[in-house]
């Protein structure tokens, strides 16, 4: 899958993927947790399991730049129900 990540003038830090879980959402609303395709129910179940094992679980969400905002909000709702409070949104720097 080729994701096109939104840009941000503030995107300066890289993410250590070994320390966080990554949720990717492509423009067709395909969800991946650490490169494994999941549906919304499986994502929530897996996040609850991970948070139980590691209470300070951190997650980075990588939305496609053309993803409808409601799809992004749906994923944020899943994170809230799973009680994951350390959440970041991965963007890429704006190109000059």
Protein backbone atom coordinates (compact mmCIF):
# COMPACT_ATOMS: atom_id res chain seq x y z
CA UNK A 1 0.00 0.00 0.00
CA UNK A 2 1.31 3.41 -0.90
CA UNK A 3 0.22 5.97 1.69
CA UNK A 4 0.37 9.66 0.99
CA UNK A 5 0.64 11.25 4.42
CA UNK A 6 -0.68 14.77 5.15
CA UNK A 7 1.88 17.52 5.42
CA UNK A 8 2.63 19.85 8.32
CA UNK A 9 5.05 22.69 8.86
CA UNK A 10 5.58 21.32 12.37
CA UNK A 11 6.48 17.74 11.38
CA UNK A 12 10.10 17.62 12.48
CA UNK A 13 10.41 14.58 14.74
CA UNK A 14 10.72 11.00 13.63
CA UNK A 15 8.90 8.21 15.40
CA UNK A 16 10.70 5.19 16.87
CA UNK A 17 8.42 2.47 15.50
CA UNK A 18 9.76 -0.06 18.00
CA UNK A 19 8.26 1.96 20.86
CA UNK A 20 4.76 2.63 19.49
CA UNK A 21 1.92 0.95 17.65
CA UNK A 22 1.12 2.42 14.24
CA UNK A 23 -2.35 2.63 12.75
CA UNK A 24 -2.40 3.43 9.03
CA UNK A 25 -5.56 4.41 7.18
CA UNK A 26 -5.47 4.58 3.40
CA UNK A 27 -7.81 6.71 1.28
CA UNK A 28 -10.14 3.71 0.82
CA UNK A 29 -10.52 3.34 4.61
CA UNK A 30 -8.34 0.22 4.87
CA UNK A 31 -6.99 0.02 8.42
CA UNK A 32 -3.64 -1.48 9.31
CA UNK A 33 -2.17 -2.01 12.74
CA UNK A 34 1.60 -2.32 12.38
CA UNK A 35 1.21 -3.30 8.70
CA UNK A 36 -1.44 -5.99 9.38
CA UNK A 37 -4.87 -5.31 7.86
CA UNK A 38 -7.61 -5.18 10.50
CA UNK A 39 -11.24 -4.17 10.62
CA UNK A 40 -12.51 -1.64 13.17
CA UNK A 41 -13.67 -4.31 15.65
CA UNK A 42 -10.40 -6.21 15.54
CA UNK A 43 -8.47 -2.95 15.90
CA UNK A 44 -10.34 -2.04 19.06
CA UNK A 45 -9.92 -5.54 20.53
CA UNK A 46 -6.20 -5.56 19.78
CA UNK A 47 -5.69 -2.08 21.25
CA UNK A 48 -7.44 -3.12 24.47
CA UNK A 49 -5.18 -6.19 24.67
CA UNK A 50 -2.06 -4.11 24.04
CA UNK A 51 -3.08 -1.48 26.62
CA UNK A 52 -3.69 -4.24 29.19
CA UNK A 53 -0.14 -5.51 28.59
CA UNK A 54 1.34 -2.03 28.50
CA UNK A 55 -0.76 0.62 30.31
CA UNK A 56 1.33 3.47 28.88
CA UNK A 57 0.69 2.31 25.30
CA UNK A 58 1.47 4.92 22.65
CA UNK A 59 -0.11 4.94 19.19
CA UNK A 60 0.65 6.90 16.05
CA UNK A 61 -2.08 7.32 13.45
CA UNK A 62 -1.00 7.71 9.80
CA UNK A 63 -4.01 8.96 7.82
CA UNK A 64 -3.90 9.31 4.05
CA UNK A 65 -4.10 12.97 3.06
CA UNK A 66 -7.32 12.34 1.10
CA UNK A 67 -9.03 10.41 3.89
CA UNK A 68 -12.44 11.85 4.82
CA UNK A 69 -12.18 13.43 8.26
CA UNK A 70 -15.03 11.29 9.60
CA UNK A 71 -12.96 8.13 8.98
CA UNK A 72 -10.12 9.65 11.01
CA UNK A 73 -12.55 10.57 13.79
CA UNK A 74 -13.87 6.99 13.79
CA UNK A 75 -10.34 5.74 14.51
CA UNK A 76 -9.88 8.34 17.23
CA UNK A 77 -13.15 7.12 18.80
CA UNK A 78 -11.77 3.55 18.79
CA UNK A 79 -8.65 4.79 20.56
CA UNK A 80 -10.77 6.57 23.16
CA UNK A 81 -12.90 3.47 23.81
CA UNK A 82 -9.71 1.42 24.18
CA UNK A 83 -8.54 4.07 26.68
CA UNK A 84 -5.36 4.83 24.76
CA UNK A 85 -4.37 8.34 25.79
CA UNK A 86 -0.93 8.65 24.17
CA UNK A 87 -1.84 9.30 20.55
CA UNK A 88 0.02 11.14 17.84
CA UNK A 89 -0.77 11.87 14.22
CA UNK A 90 2.05 11.22 11.80
CA UNK A 91 2.48 13.84 9.11
CA UNK A 92 5.29 14.60 6.73
CA UNK A 93 7.01 17.98 6.34
CA UNK A 94 5.68 20.37 3.73
CA UNK A 95 7.75 20.36 0.57
CA UNK A 96 9.21 23.75 -0.43
